[in-house]
Amino acid sequence: MKLKLKMGTKQIAALVIAVLVVFALLVGRGRSGDDGGGGQSGGTLDNGAVVACDDFAAGSGQARSDSTRLALADKVTASAAKSDNDAVRARAMELGRNADEGNAAWRTSSNALTQACEDAGWTAP
């Protein structure tokens, strides 16, 4: 029994596009999950991450009141939002959420952000 498969140019074009889309999705998924460090990588230290880490380092010593902590967290979060580094972005958001939650929460979030920065390769100025 022979199968005869007749496809027009529209069907061939649709098939080629579908194959390319599937290929692009597979390549994209492979890259987003490939951190090169067995899941322990700090991500890349891009410009947004450097600015966020530098901003935090410059202002953390003076951030003693809730209002100064919130202002610093806003500045750091705005810088981190420009970064592709997920860990730095997440720790900056956490810092903002904990800015007015007391000293222990602030200290924990501060340490987590500093660690995320260092894991990405940042060193304090």
Protein backbone atom coordinates (compact mmCIF):
# COMPACT_ATOMS: atom_id res chain seq x y z
CA MET A 1 0.00 0.00 0.00
CA LYS A 2 1.51 3.30 -1.11
CA LEU A 3 0.60 6.59 0.44
CA LYS A 4 0.50 9.54 -1.83
CA LEU A 5 0.95 12.82 -0.10
CA LYS A 6 0.19 15.89 -2.10
CA MET A 7 0.94 19.22 -0.51
CA GLY A 8 0.52 22.60 -2.05
CA THR A 9 2.88 25.51 -1.56
CA LYS A 10 0.69 26.97 1.21
CA GLN A 11 0.82 23.74 3.18
CA ILE A 12 4.58 23.42 2.70
CA ALA A 13 5.09 27.02 3.81
CA ALA A 14 2.91 26.46 6.89
CA LEU A 15 4.84 23.29 7.74
CA VAL A 16 8.20 25.06 7.41
CA ILE A 17 7.02 27.92 9.63
CA ALA A 18 5.69 25.48 12.23
CA VAL A 19 9.00 23.60 12.30
CA LEU A 20 10.94 26.86 12.67
CA VAL A 21 8.70 28.02 15.54
CA VAL A 22 9.12 24.72 17.38
CA PHE A 23 12.88 24.86 16.84
CA ALA A 24 13.06 28.45 18.13
CA LEU A 25 11.07 27.53 21.24
CA LEU A 26 13.31 24.57 21.98
CA VAL A 27 16.47 26.64 21.55
CA GLY A 28 15.06 29.45 23.70
CA ARG A 29 14.00 27.08 26.44
CA GLY A 30 17.44 25.44 26.46
CA ARG A 31 19.21 28.75 26.82
CA SER A 32 16.98 30.13 29.57
CA GLY A 33 17.58 27.04 31.70
CA ASP A 34 21.32 26.84 30.98
CA ASP A 35 23.04 28.77 33.74
CA GLY A 36 26.30 26.86 33.43
CA GLY A 37 26.59 26.37 37.17
CA GLY A 38 24.39 23.46 38.05
CA GLY A 39 21.60 25.74 39.27
CA GLN A 40 23.89 27.72 41.56
CA SER A 41 24.91 30.48 39.17
CA GLY A 42 24.36 34.12 40.12
CA GLY A 43 23.56 35.12 36.56
CA THR A 44 25.40 37.68 34.54
CA LEU A 45 26.66 40.94 35.90
CA ASP A 46 25.17 43.31 33.36
CA ASN A 47 24.99 47.09 33.61
CA GLY A 48 21.60 47.12 35.35
CA ALA A 49 22.85 44.74 38.03
CA VAL A 50 26.05 46.74 38.57
CA VAL A 51 24.11 49.99 38.98
CA ALA A 52 21.63 48.35 41.38
CA CYS A 53 24.41 46.83 43.48
CA ASP A 54 26.41 50.07 43.48
CA ASP A 55 23.32 52.12 44.40
CA PHE A 56 22.58 49.79 47.28
CA ALA A 57 26.16 49.80 48.54
CA ALA A 58 26.30 53.59 48.39
CA GLY A 59 23.04 54.13 50.28
CA SER A 60 22.71 51.22 52.67
CA GLY A 61 24.81 52.79 55.43
CA GLN A 62 22.51 55.81 55.68
CA ALA A 63 19.23 53.86 55.35
CA ARG A 64 18.14 53.80 58.98
CA SER A 65 14.56 55.06 58.80
CA ASP A 66 11.66 53.52 56.92
CA SER A 67 11.47 56.48 54.54
CA THR A 68 15.16 56.35 53.59
CA ARG A 69 14.97 52.58 53.23
CA LEU A 70 11.94 52.88 50.94
CA ALA A 71 13.67 55.55 48.85
CA LEU A 72 16.80 53.41 48.53
CA ALA A 73 14.75 50.32 47.69
CA ASP A 74 12.90 52.28 44.98
CA LYS A 75 16.20 53.42 43.46
CA VAL A 76 17.73 49.93 43.60
CA THR A 77 14.59 48.30 42.20
CA ALA A 78 14.47 50.76 39.30
CA SER A 79 18.09 49.94 38.42
CA ALA A 80 17.58 46.20 38.87
CA ALA A 81 14.55 46.27 36.58
CA LYS A 82 16.94 47.11 33.72
CA SER A 83 18.99 43.98 34.43
CA ASP A 84 18.63 40.50 32.96
CA ASN A 85 19.91 39.04 36.24
CA ASP A 86 16.92 37.30 37.84
CA ALA A 87 18.55 36.91 41.26
CA VAL A 88 19.44 40.60 41.60
CA ARG A 89 15.97 41.65 40.38
CA ALA A 90 14.25 39.29 42.83
CA ARG A 91 16.39 40.37 45.79
CA ALA A 92 15.82 44.05 44.94
CA MET A 93 12.04 43.46 44.93
CA GLU A 94 12.34 41.63 48.25
CA LEU A 95 14.30 44.58 49.64
CA GLY A 96 11.46 46.91 48.66
CA ARG A 97 8.84 44.68 50.27
CA ASN A 98 10.82 44.56 53.52
CA ALA A 99 11.91 48.21 53.64
CA ASP A 100 9.37 49.11 56.31
CA GLU A 101 9.13 45.73 58.05
CA GLY A 102 11.73 46.39 60.75
CA ASN A 103 15.46 46.00 61.21
CA ALA A 104 15.62 42.18 61.06
CA ALA A 105 13.70 41.96 57.77
CA TRP A 106 15.74 44.81 56.28
CA ARG A 107 19.01 43.19 57.33
CA THR A 108 17.97 39.81 55.91
CA SER A 109 16.94 41.38 52.59
CA SER A 110 20.10 43.49 52.49
CA ASN A 111 22.28 40.45 53.00
CA ALA A 112 20.37 38.53 50.31
CA LEU A 113 20.80 41.36 47.78
CA THR A 114 24.49 41.71 48.60
CA GLN A 115 24.94 37.95 48.18
CA ALA A 116 23.10 37.97 44.83
CA CYS A 117 25.37 40.79 43.67
CA GLU A 118 28.50 38.96 44.79
CA ASP A 119 27.31 35.69 43.24
CA ALA A 120 27.03 37.52 39.91
CA GLY A 121 30.64 38.72 40.23
CA TRP A 122 30.12 42.20 41.67
CA THR A 123 32.58 43.58 44.20
CA ALA A 124 31.84 46.53 46.46
CA PRO A 125 33.43 49.79 45.33
